[in-house]
Amino acid sequence: MIDGRERALAAFEQMVLIRRFEEKCAEVYSTGKIRGFLHLYIGEEAVAVGVMAALSADDNVVATYREHGHALARGLGPGSVMAEMYGKATGCSRGRGGSMHLFSTPHRFFGGHAIVGGGLPVAVGLALADSMLGHDRVTVCFFGDGAVDEGEFHESMNLAALWRLPVLFVCENNLYAMGTALERHESLTDLCVKPRAYGIPAENVDGMDLFAVEAAAQHAVSEVRRHRSPFFLEAKTYRFRAHSMYDAEAYRSREEVAEWAQKHDPIDLAAAQLERRGLLDPAARAAIEDRVRTAVQQACDEADAAPLEPVADLLRDVLTPEAR
């Protein structure tokens, strides 16, 4: 829970870390050191940080392909995440997963899933296992508004409700499924109606407000723990960057993006709230920026120096019919 000066400032620093980390990734991507697809989380930082603040270290987290922010907020070090982006052996997935497949067993962080909605059935499976084994865990599953159109969304809602599984479904509704606006891909834009049709309680929250997200997540997680049954939380947010680094972003205007960034930047909004509460001043914010800048640069330096996986290990963990 984000209570007290120390925890509030730590949460704010996490948001700044995610933002500066992502900006550095975009910069490094242009040099060719990061390859493949790269989906930036810039603008959505309050959702990851707010939700993670409501979890225990023993809970499960399942994320999407836009998961760098979730990983950092969950506690994965920027060095291990950046090394994974570079495809280096010191990365959290030993360089095999890259941007879309971050994974960490110690943090109970189970992806990074490249398929839209692909994490939903995984989350249901994790929650089913915990339910059968009697573990007091919550599984949190992040996904975007575009995943609500997919069949596995409805299958997962049905099974989670039918089997009363402890899953918190967090829909990060950033108003665009790749390049398609919400009203162009959803006949019913009130996304909370859909899980309610399966008997799952659902609420929405301003996903640009760190403290509102944290409060909503605390309530949702407590409901899941208390009833051992699913809950749906829609965080209404907005990404300030294109869908991916390959996206020409022809589906929305620069004026729209600029207006969101100017009026609804979650970092600026959190800073203003902290300043009003007397918890943050310009000097403290500058110190946070300095620490974050140093950490991100160190992560890049370590990734540059890290080795690639040895060729002799390339078949490690690869199963063949003969090996079974």
C-alpha atoms as a PDB file:
ATOM      1  CA  MET A   1       0.000   0.000   0.000  1.00  0.00           C
ATOM      2  CA  ILE A   2       1.245   3.519  -0.823  1.00  0.00           C
ATOM      3  CA  ASP A   3       1.060   5.111   2.614  1.00  0.00           C
ATOM      4  CA  GLY A   4       3.513   7.491   4.233  1.00  0.00           C
ATOM      5  CA  ARG A   5       6.195   9.644   2.669  1.00  0.00           C
ATOM      6  CA  GLU A   6       8.737   6.886   2.037  1.00  0.00           C
ATOM      7  CA  ARG A   7       6.371   4.544   0.190  1.00  0.00           C
ATOM      8  CA  ALA A   8       4.732   7.369  -1.758  1.00  0.00           C
ATOM      9  CA  LEU A   9       8.078   8.678  -2.965  1.00  0.00           C
ATOM     10  CA  ALA A  10       9.243   5.143  -3.791  1.00  0.00           C
ATOM     11  CA  ALA A  11       6.158   4.642  -5.957  1.00  0.00           C
ATOM     12  CA  PHE A  12       6.748   7.968  -7.667  1.00  0.00           C
ATOM     13  CA  GLU A  13      10.371   7.016  -8.312  1.00  0.00           C
ATOM     14  CA  GLN A  14       9.219   3.745  -9.865  1.00  0.00           C
ATOM     15  CA  MET A  15       7.089   5.703 -12.320  1.00  0.00           C
ATOM     16  CA  VAL A  16      10.028   7.938 -13.218  1.00  0.00           C
ATOM     17  CA  LEU A  17      12.253   4.870 -13.641  1.00  0.00           C
ATOM     18  CA  ILE A  18       9.780   3.280 -16.044  1.00  0.00           C
ATOM     19  CA  ARG A  19       9.511   6.496 -18.076  1.00  0.00           C
ATOM     20  CA  ARG A  20      13.264   7.104 -18.354  1.00  0.00           C
ATOM     21  CA  PHE A  21      13.948   3.416 -18.997  1.00  0.00           C
ATOM     22  CA  GLU A  22      11.461   3.410 -21.856  1.00  0.00           C
ATOM     23  CA  GLU A  23      12.852   6.608 -23.325  1.00  0.00           C
ATOM     24  CA  LYS A  24      16.341   5.096 -23.247  1.00  0.00           C
ATOM     25  CA  CYS A  25      15.019   1.946 -24.943  1.00  0.00           C
ATOM     26  CA  ALA A  26      13.612   4.051 -27.777  1.00  0.00           C
ATOM     27  CA  GLU A  27      16.962   5.809 -28.105  1.00  0.00           C
ATOM     28  CA  VAL A  28      18.971   2.590 -28.100  1.00  0.00           C
ATOM     29  CA  TYR A  29      16.543   0.896 -30.490  1.00  0.00           C
ATOM     30  CA  SER A  30      17.473   3.439 -33.152  1.00  0.00           C
ATOM     31  CA  THR A  31      21.105   2.293 -32.898  1.00  0.00           C
ATOM     32  CA  GLY A  32      20.212  -1.340 -33.568  1.00  0.00           C
ATOM     33  CA  LYS A  33      21.228  -2.639 -30.143  1.00  0.00           C
ATOM     34  CA  ILE A  34      17.617  -3.606 -29.420  1.00  0.00           C
ATOM     35  CA  ARG A  35      16.008  -5.546 -32.240  1.00  0.00           C
ATOM     36  CA  GLY A  36      12.620  -6.984 -33.086  1.00  0.00           C
ATOM     37  CA  PHE A  37       9.425  -5.399 -31.811  1.00  0.00           C
ATOM     38  CA  LEU A  38       9.405  -2.782 -29.072  1.00  0.00           C
ATOM     39  CA  HIS A  39       6.173  -1.613 -27.442  1.00  0.00           C
ATOM     40  CA  LEU A  40       6.622   1.333 -25.087  1.00  0.00           C
ATOM     41  CA  TYR A  41       4.612   1.862 -21.903  1.00  0.00           C
ATOM     42  CA  ILE A  42       5.093   5.635 -21.732  1.00  0.00           C
ATOM     43  CA  GLY A  43       1.935   7.272 -20.366  1.00  0.00           C
ATOM     44  CA  GLU A  44       0.611   4.174 -18.604  1.00  0.00           C
ATOM     45  CA  GLU A  45       3.071   4.055 -15.683  1.00  0.00           C
ATOM     46  CA  ALA A  46       0.469   4.727 -12.980  1.00  0.00           C
ATOM     47  CA  VAL A  47      -1.359   1.478 -13.752  1.00  0.00           C
ATOM     48  CA  ALA A  48       1.593  -0.858 -13.247  1.00  0.00           C
ATOM     49  CA  VAL A  49       2.925   0.934 -10.173  1.00  0.00           C
ATOM     50  CA  GLY A  50      -0.491   1.369  -8.562  1.00  0.00           C
ATOM     51  CA  VAL A  51      -1.537  -2.244  -9.038  1.00  0.00           C
ATOM     52  CA  MET A  52       1.802  -3.733  -7.938  1.00  0.00           C
ATOM     53  CA  ALA A  53       1.573  -1.727  -4.704  1.00  0.00           C
ATOM     54  CA  ALA A  54      -1.502  -3.773  -3.796  1.00  0.00           C
ATOM     55  CA  LEU A  55       0.180  -7.166  -4.227  1.00  0.00           C
ATOM     56  CA  SER A  56       2.263  -9.369  -1.973  1.00  0.00           C
ATOM     57  CA  ALA A  57       5.588 -10.842  -3.086  1.00  0.00           C
ATOM     58  CA  ASP A  58       3.922 -14.272  -3.308  1.00  0.00           C
ATOM     59  CA  ASP A  59       1.230 -13.223  -5.803  1.00  0.00           C
ATOM     60  CA  ASN A  60       1.450 -14.041  -9.513  1.00  0.00           C
ATOM     61  CA  VAL A  61       1.712 -11.459 -12.304  1.00  0.00           C
ATOM     62  CA  VAL A  62       0.946 -12.114 -15.975  1.00  0.00           C
ATOM     63  CA  ALA A  63       1.517  -9.289 -18.452  1.00  0.00           C
ATOM     64  CA  THR A  64       1.258  -8.367 -22.120  1.00  0.00           C
ATOM     65  CA  TYR A  65       3.893  -7.619 -24.759  1.00  0.00           C
ATOM     66  CA  ARG A  66       3.955  -4.013 -23.440  1.00  0.00           C
ATOM     67  CA  GLU A  67       5.340  -5.268 -20.145  1.00  0.00           C
ATOM     68  CA  HIS A  68       8.593  -3.433 -19.376  1.00  0.00           C
ATOM     69  CA  GLY A  69       6.751  -1.194 -16.917  1.00  0.00           C
ATOM     70  CA  HIS A  70       5.091  -4.142 -15.210  1.00  0.00           C
ATOM     71  CA  ALA A  71       8.437  -5.909 -14.831  1.00  0.00           C
ATOM     72  CA  LEU A  72      10.184  -2.884 -13.336  1.00  0.00           C
ATOM     73  CA  ALA A  73       7.261  -2.142 -11.013  1.00  0.00           C
ATOM     74  CA  ARG A  74       7.298  -5.780  -9.889  1.00  0.00           C
ATOM     75  CA  GLY A  75      10.911  -5.355  -8.813  1.00  0.00           C
ATOM     76  CA  LEU A  76      12.965  -6.783 -11.667  1.00  0.00           C
ATOM     77  CA  GLY A  77      16.178  -4.804 -11.870  1.00  0.00           C
ATOM     78  CA  PRO A  78      16.637  -2.419 -14.797  1.00  0.00           C
ATOM     79  CA  GLY A  79      19.935  -4.176 -15.543  1.00  0.00           C
ATOM     80  CA  SER A  80      18.348  -7.588 -16.069  1.00  0.00           C
ATOM     81  CA  VAL A  81      15.494  -6.109 -18.113  1.00  0.00           C
ATOM     82  CA  MET A  82      17.789  -4.032 -20.321  1.00  0.00           C
ATOM     83  CA  ALA A  83      20.109  -7.007 -20.866  1.00  0.00           C
ATOM     84  CA  GLU A  84      17.096  -9.002 -22.004  1.00  0.00           C
ATOM     85  CA  MET A  85      16.231  -6.256 -24.484  1.00  0.00           C
ATOM     86  CA  TYR A  86      19.766  -6.523 -25.840  1.00  0.00           C
ATOM     87  CA  GLY A  87      19.421 -10.308 -26.111  1.00  0.00           C
ATOM     88  CA  LYS A  88      22.252 -10.887 -23.634  1.00  0.00           C
ATOM     89  CA  ALA A  89      22.775 -13.936 -21.416  1.00  0.00           C
ATOM     90  CA  THR A  90      22.445 -11.826 -18.244  1.00  0.00           C
ATOM     91  CA  GLY A  91      18.885 -10.879 -19.154  1.00  0.00           C
ATOM     92  CA  CYS A  92      15.965 -12.059 -17.026  1.00  0.00           C
ATOM     93  CA  SER A  93      15.112 -14.635 -19.731  1.00  0.00           C
ATOM     94  CA  ARG A  94      18.781 -15.279 -20.574  1.00  0.00           C
ATOM     95  CA  GLY A  95      18.392 -13.201 -23.730  1.00  0.00           C
ATOM     96  CA  ARG A  96      15.973 -15.651 -25.315  1.00  0.00           C
ATOM     97  CA  GLY A  97      12.786 -13.683 -24.852  1.00  0.00           C
ATOM     98  CA  GLY A  98      13.608 -10.086 -25.660  1.00  0.00           C
ATOM     99  CA  SER A  99      11.213  -7.211 -25.207  1.00  0.00           C
ATOM    100  CA  MET A 100       7.970  -9.192 -25.342  1.00  0.00           C
ATOM    101  CA  HIS A 101       8.933 -12.163 -23.166  1.00  0.00           C
ATOM    102  CA  LEU A 102      10.266 -10.941 -19.829  1.00  0.00           C
ATOM    103  CA  PHE A 103      10.070 -13.636 -17.157  1.00  0.00           C
ATOM    104  CA  SER A 104      11.279 -14.011 -13.582  1.00  0.00           C
ATOM    105  CA  THR A 105      10.445 -16.927 -11.317  1.00  0.00           C
ATOM    106  CA  PRO A 106      11.780 -15.215  -8.141  1.00  0.00           C
ATOM    107  CA  HIS A 107       9.410 -12.308  -8.764  1.00  0.00           C
ATOM    108  CA  ARG A 108       6.562 -14.627  -9.807  1.00  0.00           C
ATOM    109  CA  PHE A 109       6.439 -12.663 -13.044  1.00  0.00           C
ATOM    110  CA  PHE A 110       5.116 -15.030 -15.727  1.00  0.00           C
ATOM    111  CA  GLY A 111       5.475 -13.062 -18.976  1.00  0.00           C
ATOM    112  CA  GLY A 112       5.425 -11.118 -21.321  1.00  0.00           C
ATOM    113  CA  HIS A 113       3.020 -12.683 -23.902  1.00  0.00           C
ATOM    114  CA  ALA A 114       3.254 -11.688 -27.546  1.00  0.00           C
ATOM    115  CA  ILE A 115      -0.225 -12.878 -28.534  1.00  0.00           C
ATOM    116  CA  VAL A 116      -3.074 -10.448 -27.830  1.00  0.00           C
ATOM    117  CA  GLY A 117      -4.995 -11.942 -24.912  1.00  0.00           C
ATOM    118  CA  GLY A 118      -2.515 -14.811 -24.654  1.00  0.00           C
ATOM    119  CA  GLY A 119      -1.848 -14.219 -20.972  1.00  0.00           C
ATOM    120  CA  LEU A 120      -5.487 -14.607 -19.940  1.00  0.00           C
ATOM    121  CA  PRO A 121      -5.685 -18.427 -20.024  1.00  0.00           C
ATOM    122  CA  VAL A 122      -2.222 -18.605 -18.430  1.00  0.00           C
ATOM    123  CA  ALA A 123      -3.511 -16.529 -15.516  1.00  0.00           C
ATOM    124  CA  VAL A 124      -6.560 -18.763 -15.194  1.00  0.00           C
ATOM    125  CA  GLY A 125      -4.270 -21.800 -15.118  1.00  0.00           C
ATOM    126  CA  LEU A 126      -2.046 -20.308 -12.423  1.00  0.00           C
ATOM    127  CA  ALA A 127      -5.065 -19.405 -10.316  1.00  0.00           C
ATOM    128  CA  LEU A 128      -6.574 -22.871 -10.800  1.00  0.00           C
ATOM    129  CA  ALA A 129      -3.317 -24.476  -9.628  1.00  0.00           C
ATOM    130  CA  ASP A 130      -3.207 -22.247  -6.545  1.00  0.00           C
ATOM    131  CA  SER A 131      -6.844 -22.992  -5.797  1.00  0.00           C
ATOM    132  CA  MET A 132      -6.315 -26.752  -6.061  1.00  0.00           C
ATOM    133  CA  LEU A 133      -3.163 -26.604  -3.929  1.00  0.00           C
ATOM    134  CA  GLY A 134      -4.720 -24.359  -1.312  1.00  0.00           C
ATOM    135  CA  HIS A 135      -2.308 -21.455  -1.800  1.00  0.00           C
ATOM    136  CA  ASP A 136      -3.466 -18.025  -0.628  1.00  0.00           C
ATOM    137  CA  ARG A 137      -2.322 -16.227  -3.775  1.00  0.00           C
ATOM    138  CA  VAL A 138      -3.868 -13.726  -6.137  1.00  0.00           C
ATOM    139  CA  THR A 139      -2.998 -13.854  -9.831  1.00  0.00           C
ATOM    140  CA  VAL A 140      -3.065 -10.485 -11.576  1.00  0.00           C
ATOM    141  CA  CYS A 141      -3.432 -10.478 -15.347  1.00  0.00           C
ATOM    142  CA  PHE A 142      -2.816  -7.312 -17.389  1.00  0.00           C
ATOM    143  CA  PHE A 143      -4.190  -6.925 -20.915  1.00  0.00           C
ATOM    144  CA  GLY A 144      -5.317  -4.171 -23.271  1.00  0.00           C
ATOM    145  CA  ASP A 145      -8.754  -3.199 -24.542  1.00  0.00           C
ATOM    146  CA  GLY A 146      -8.065  -5.043 -27.794  1.00  0.00           C
ATOM    147  CA  ALA A 147      -7.890  -8.358 -25.912  1.00  0.00           C
ATOM    148  CA  VAL A 148     -11.527  -7.967 -24.891  1.00  0.00           C
ATOM    149  CA  ASP A 149     -12.450  -8.818 -28.506  1.00  0.00           C
ATOM    150  CA  GLU A 150     -10.651 -12.164 -28.372  1.00  0.00           C
ATOM    151  CA  GLY A 151     -12.229 -15.538 -27.737  1.00  0.00           C
ATOM    152  CA  GLU A 152      -9.804 -16.377 -24.935  1.00  0.00           C
ATOM    153  CA  PHE A 153     -11.051 -13.330 -23.029  1.00  0.00           C
ATOM    154  CA  HIS A 154     -14.561 -14.760 -22.870  1.00  0.00           C
ATOM    155  CA  GLU A 155     -13.343 -18.297 -22.220  1.00  0.00           C
ATOM    156  CA  SER A 156     -11.169 -17.033 -19.373  1.00  0.00           C
ATOM    157  CA  MET A 157     -13.967 -14.942 -17.849  1.00  0.00           C
ATOM    158  CA  ASN A 158     -16.315 -17.918 -17.975  1.00  0.00           C
ATOM    159  CA  LEU A 159     -13.905 -20.403 -16.409  1.00  0.00           C
ATOM    160  CA  ALA A 160     -12.674 -17.977 -13.741  1.00  0.00           C
ATOM    161  CA  ALA A 161     -16.260 -17.291 -12.688  1.00  0.00           C
ATOM    162  CA  LEU A 162     -17.399 -20.917 -13.010  1.00  0.00           C
ATOM    163  CA  TRP A 163     -14.526 -22.263 -10.926  1.00  0.00           C
ATOM    164  CA  ARG A 164     -14.336 -19.243  -8.584  1.00  0.00           C
ATOM    165  CA  LEU A 165     -10.674 -18.570  -9.232  1.00  0.00           C
ATOM    166  CA  PRO A 166      -8.612 -15.850  -7.451  1.00  0.00           C
ATOM    167  CA  VAL A 167      -7.768 -13.730 -10.498  1.00  0.00           C
ATOM    168  CA  LEU A 168      -7.677  -9.952 -10.770  1.00  0.00           C
ATOM    169  CA  PHE A 169      -8.174  -9.071 -14.431  1.00  0.00           C
ATOM    170  CA  VAL A 170      -6.693  -5.618 -15.133  1.00  0.00           C
ATOM    171  CA  CYS A 171      -7.711  -4.140 -18.474  1.00  0.00           C
ATOM    172  CA  GLU A 172      -5.402  -1.282 -19.474  1.00  0.00           C
ATOM    173  CA  ASN A 173      -7.813   0.561 -21.739  1.00  0.00           C
ATOM    174  CA  ASN A 174      -5.598   3.014 -23.642  1.00  0.00           C
ATOM    175  CA  LEU A 175      -8.387   3.695 -26.176  1.00  0.00           C
ATOM    176  CA  TYR A 176      -6.571   2.077 -29.115  1.00  0.00           C
ATOM    177  CA  ALA A 177      -6.204  -1.590 -29.998  1.00  0.00           C
ATOM    178  CA  MET A 178      -3.018  -1.232 -32.015  1.00  0.00           C
ATOM    179  CA  GLY A 179      -4.295   1.362 -34.512  1.00  0.00           C
ATOM    180  CA  THR A 180      -8.032   0.944 -34.021  1.00  0.00           C
ATOM    181  CA  ALA A 181      -9.962   3.317 -31.761  1.00  0.00           C
ATOM    182  CA  LEU A 182     -12.128   1.786 -29.045  1.00  0.00           C
ATOM    183  CA  GLU A 183     -15.419   2.844 -30.636  1.00  0.00           C
ATOM    184  CA  ARG A 184     -14.341   1.234 -33.923  1.00  0.00           C
ATOM    185  CA  HIS A 185     -13.623  -2.211 -32.461  1.00  0.00           C
ATOM    186  CA  GLU A 186     -16.138  -2.426 -29.614  1.00  0.00           C
ATOM    187  CA  SER A 187     -19.888  -2.380 -30.205  1.00  0.00           C
ATOM    188  CA  LEU A 188     -20.241  -1.773 -26.457  1.00  0.00           C
ATOM    189  CA  THR A 189     -17.541   0.560 -25.163  1.00  0.00           C
ATOM    190  CA  ASP A 190     -18.426   0.116 -21.473  1.00  0.00           C
ATOM    191  CA  LEU A 191     -15.966  -2.722 -20.968  1.00  0.00           C
ATOM    192  CA  CYS A 192     -17.138  -3.478 -17.426  1.00  0.00           C
ATOM    193  CA  VAL A 193     -20.430  -4.817 -18.803  1.00  0.00           C
ATOM    194  CA  LYS A 194     -18.662  -7.804 -20.370  1.00  0.00           C
ATOM    195  CA  PRO A 195     -17.226  -9.456 -17.218  1.00  0.00           C
ATOM    196  CA  ARG A 196     -20.425  -8.663 -15.336  1.00  0.00           C
ATOM    197  CA  ALA A 197     -22.246 -10.836 -17.872  1.00  0.00           C
ATOM    198  CA  TYR A 198     -20.263 -13.738 -16.407  1.00  0.00           C
ATOM    199  CA  GLY A 199     -21.064 -12.748 -12.836  1.00  0.00           C
ATOM    200  CA  ILE A 200     -17.688 -11.105 -12.217  1.00  0.00           C
ATOM    201  CA  PRO A 201     -17.746  -7.799 -10.298  1.00  0.00           C
ATOM    202  CA  ALA A 202     -16.170  -4.995 -12.313  1.00  0.00           C
ATOM    203  CA  GLU A 203     -15.111  -1.411 -11.674  1.00  0.00           C
ATOM    204  CA  ASN A 204     -13.167   1.245 -13.560  1.00  0.00           C
ATOM    205  CA  VAL A 205     -10.598   3.791 -12.430  1.00  0.00           C
ATOM    206  CA  ASP A 206      -8.674   6.765 -13.809  1.00  0.00           C
ATOM    207  CA  GLY A 207      -5.526   4.992 -14.961  1.00  0.00           C
ATOM    208  CA  MET A 208      -3.566   8.249 -15.084  1.00  0.00           C
ATOM    209  CA  ASP A 209      -3.936   8.792 -11.318  1.00  0.00           C
ATOM    210  CA  LEU A 210      -1.409   6.720  -9.351  1.00  0.00           C
ATOM    211  CA  PHE A 211      -3.193   7.009  -6.029  1.00  0.00           C
ATOM    212  CA  ALA A 212      -6.635   6.302  -7.496  1.00  0.00           C
ATOM    213  CA  VAL A 213      -5.271   3.167  -9.183  1.00  0.00           C
ATOM    214  CA  GLU A 214      -3.617   2.022  -5.967  1.00  0.00           C
ATOM    215  CA  ALA A 215      -6.819   2.493  -3.963  1.00  0.00           C
ATOM    216  CA  ALA A 216      -8.915   0.674  -6.579  1.00  0.00           C
ATOM    217  CA  ALA A 217      -6.368  -2.139  -6.784  1.00  0.00           C
ATOM    218  CA  GLN A 218      -6.262  -2.495  -2.997  1.00  0.00           C
ATOM    219  CA  HIS A 219     -10.034  -2.901  -2.967  1.00  0.00           C
ATOM    220  CA  ALA A 220     -10.008  -5.339  -5.895  1.00  0.00           C
ATOM    221  CA  VAL A 221      -7.216  -7.501  -4.470  1.00  0.00           C
ATOM    222  CA  SER A 222      -8.901  -7.632  -1.063  1.00  0.00           C
ATOM    223  CA  GLU A 223     -12.142  -8.764  -2.725  1.00  0.00           C
ATOM    224  CA  VAL A 224     -10.323 -11.508  -4.636  1.00  0.00           C
ATOM    225  CA  ARG A 225      -8.569 -12.707  -1.459  1.00  0.00           C
ATOM    226  CA  ARG A 226     -11.697 -12.565   0.670  1.00  0.00           C
ATOM    227  CA  HIS A 227     -14.048 -14.321  -1.732  1.00  0.00           C
ATOM    228  CA  ARG A 228     -11.455 -16.429  -3.607  1.00  0.00           C
ATOM    229  CA  SER A 229     -13.144 -15.390  -6.831  1.00  0.00           C
ATOM    230  CA  PRO A 230     -12.351 -13.117  -9.813  1.00  0.00           C
ATOM    231  CA  PHE A 231     -12.590  -9.352 -10.115  1.00  0.00           C
ATOM    232  CA  PHE A 232     -12.261  -7.071 -13.166  1.00  0.00           C
ATOM    233  CA  LEU A 233     -10.633  -3.639 -12.986  1.00  0.00           C
ATOM    234  CA  GLU A 234     -10.611  -1.347 -16.011  1.00  0.00           C
ATOM    235  CA  ALA A 235      -7.886   1.314 -15.872  1.00  0.00           C
ATOM    236  CA  LYS A 236      -8.650   4.087 -18.337  1.00  0.00           C
ATOM    237  CA  THR A 237      -5.273   5.240 -19.580  1.00  0.00           C
ATOM    238  CA  TYR A 238      -3.450   6.468 -22.684  1.00  0.00           C
ATOM    239  CA  ARG A 239      -0.130   5.689 -24.324  1.00  0.00           C
ATOM    240  CA  PHE A 240       1.898   8.695 -25.422  1.00  0.00           C
ATOM    241  CA  ARG A 241       3.935   6.738 -27.966  1.00  0.00           C
ATOM    242  CA  ALA A 242       2.917   4.731 -31.010  1.00  0.00           C
ATOM    243  CA  HIS A 243       1.737   1.139 -30.672  1.00  0.00           C
ATOM    244  CA  SER A 244       5.248  -0.049 -31.493  1.00  0.00           C
ATOM    245  CA  MET A 245       8.428   1.372 -32.962  1.00  0.00           C
ATOM    246  CA  TYR A 246       7.215   0.232 -36.398  1.00  0.00           C
ATOM    247  CA  ASP A 247       3.886   2.071 -36.108  1.00  0.00           C
ATOM    248  CA  ALA A 248       3.381   5.114 -38.361  1.00  0.00           C
ATOM    249  CA  GLU A 249       0.597   6.271 -35.966  1.00  0.00           C
ATOM    250  CA  ALA A 250      -1.697   7.519 -38.718  1.00  0.00           C
ATOM    251  CA  TYR A 251      -4.845   6.713 -36.737  1.00  0.00           C
ATOM    252  CA  ARG A 252      -4.695   9.645 -34.281  1.00  0.00           C
ATOM    253  CA  SER A 253      -3.587  13.256 -34.451  1.00  0.00           C
ATOM    254  CA  ARG A 254      -0.491  14.744 -32.890  1.00  0.00           C
ATOM    255  CA  GLU A 255      -2.768  17.320 -31.273  1.00  0.00           C
ATOM    256  CA  GLU A 256      -4.666  14.578 -29.437  1.00  0.00           C
ATOM    257  CA  VAL A 257      -1.482  13.002 -28.105  1.00  0.00           C
ATOM    258  CA  ALA A 258      -0.070  16.392 -27.077  1.00  0.00           C
ATOM    259  CA  GLU A 259      -3.258  17.282 -25.210  1.00  0.00           C
ATOM    260  CA  TRP A 260      -3.190  14.025 -23.249  1.00  0.00           C
ATOM    261  CA  ALA A 261       0.507  14.466 -22.443  1.00  0.00           C
ATOM    262  CA  GLN A 262      -0.009  18.067 -21.347  1.00  0.00           C
ATOM    263  CA  LYS A 263      -3.135  17.551 -19.240  1.00  0.00           C
ATOM    264  CA  HIS A 264      -2.938  13.946 -18.050  1.00  0.00           C
ATOM    265  CA  ASP A 265       0.713  12.960 -17.670  1.00  0.00           C
ATOM    266  CA  PRO A 266       0.601  10.494 -14.738  1.00  0.00           C
ATOM    267  CA  ILE A 267       4.041  11.506 -13.475  1.00  0.00           C
ATOM    268  CA  ASP A 268       3.167  15.198 -13.372  1.00  0.00           C
ATOM    269  CA  LEU A 269      -0.199  14.425 -11.775  1.00  0.00           C
ATOM    270  CA  ALA A 270       1.442  12.295  -9.062  1.00  0.00           C
ATOM    271  CA  ALA A 271       4.092  14.954  -8.451  1.00  0.00           C
ATOM    272  CA  ALA A 272       1.403  17.611  -8.024  1.00  0.00           C
ATOM    273  CA  GLN A 273      -0.451  15.463  -5.490  1.00  0.00           C
ATOM    274  CA  LEU A 274       2.748  14.773  -3.566  1.00  0.00           C
ATOM    275  CA  GLU A 275       3.630  18.471  -3.561  1.00  0.00           C
ATOM    276  CA  ARG A 276       0.197  19.387  -2.215  1.00  0.00           C
ATOM    277  CA  ARG A 277       0.714  16.874   0.602  1.00  0.00           C
ATOM    278  CA  GLY A 278       4.129  18.342   1.378  1.00  0.00           C
ATOM    279  CA  LEU A 279       5.917  15.122   0.411  1.00  0.00           C
ATOM    280  CA  LEU A 280       7.827  16.348  -2.658  1.00  0.00           C
ATOM    281  CA  ASP A 281       9.695  19.516  -3.576  1.00  0.00           C
ATOM    282  CA  PRO A 282      11.790  20.450  -6.641  1.00  0.00           C
ATOM    283  CA  ALA A 283      15.036  19.387  -4.966  1.00  0.00           C
ATOM    284  CA  ALA A 284      13.672  15.959  -4.062  1.00  0.00           C
ATOM    285  CA  ARG A 285      12.288  15.478  -7.564  1.00  0.00           C
ATOM    286  CA  ALA A 286      15.657  16.450  -9.086  1.00  0.00           C
ATOM    287  CA  ALA A 287      17.384  13.926  -6.813  1.00  0.00           C
ATOM    288  CA  ILE A 288      15.001  11.214  -7.991  1.00  0.00           C
ATOM    289  CA  GLU A 289      15.693  12.079 -11.614  1.00  0.00           C
ATOM    290  CA  ASP A 290      19.449  11.901 -10.963  1.00  0.00           C
ATOM    291  CA  ARG A 291      19.212   8.473  -9.324  1.00  0.00           C
ATOM    292  CA  VAL A 292      17.038   7.143 -12.107  1.00  0.00           C
ATOM    293  CA  ARG A 293      19.271   8.554 -14.837  1.00  0.00           C
ATOM    294  CA  THR A 294      22.281   6.891 -13.237  1.00  0.00           C
ATOM    295  CA  ALA A 295      20.465   3.545 -12.871  1.00  0.00           C
ATOM    296  CA  VAL A 296      19.282   3.532 -16.496  1.00  0.00           C
ATOM    297  CA  GLN A 297      22.700   4.431 -17.840  1.00  0.00           C
ATOM    298  CA  GLN A 298      24.292   1.733 -15.690  1.00  0.00           C
ATOM    299  CA  ALA A 299      21.766  -0.775 -17.063  1.00  0.00           C
ATOM    300  CA  CYS A 300      22.774   0.154 -20.616  1.00  0.00           C
ATOM    301  CA  ASP A 301      26.488  -0.041 -19.818  1.00  0.00           C
ATOM    302  CA  GLU A 302      26.061  -3.471 -18.237  1.00  0.00           C
ATOM    303  CA  ALA A 303      23.990  -4.696 -21.189  1.00  0.00           C
ATOM    304  CA  ASP A 304      26.646  -3.472 -23.611  1.00  0.00           C
ATOM    305  CA  ALA A 305      29.334  -5.370 -21.723  1.00  0.00           C
ATOM    306  CA  ALA A 306      27.301  -8.536 -21.075  1.00  0.00           C
ATOM    307  CA  PRO A 307      27.979 -11.706 -23.094  1.00  0.00           C
ATOM    308  CA  LEU A 308      25.683 -13.404 -25.539  1.00  0.00           C
ATOM    309  CA  GLU A 309      24.533 -16.901 -24.626  1.00  0.00           C
ATOM    310  CA  PRO A 310      27.238 -19.441 -25.555  1.00  0.00           C
ATOM    311  CA  VAL A 311      26.482 -21.394 -28.715  1.00  0.00           C
ATOM    312  CA  ALA A 312      26.929 -24.605 -26.703  1.00  0.00           C
ATOM    313  CA  ASP A 313      23.872 -23.642 -24.592  1.00  0.00           C
ATOM    314  CA  LEU A 314      21.491 -22.927 -27.470  1.00  0.00           C
ATOM    315  CA  LEU A 315      19.753 -26.309 -27.122  1.00  0.00           C
ATOM    316  CA  ARG A 316      19.404 -25.920 -23.355  1.00  0.00           C
ATOM    317  CA  ASP A 317      15.739 -26.282 -22.315  1.00  0.00           C
ATOM    318  CA  VAL A 318      14.771 -27.217 -25.893  1.00  0.00           C
ATOM    319  CA  LEU A 319      12.811 -30.465 -25.897  1.00  0.00           C
ATOM    320  CA  THR A 320      12.895 -32.927 -28.783  1.00  0.00           C
ATOM    321  CA  PRO A 321      10.958 -36.195 -29.255  1.00  0.00           C
ATOM    322  CA  GLU A 322      14.155 -38.098 -28.429  1.00  0.00           C
ATOM    323  CA  ALA A 323      14.637 -36.169 -25.189  1.00  0.00           C
ATOM    324  CA  ARG A 324      11.183 -36.867 -23.783  1.00  0.00           C
END
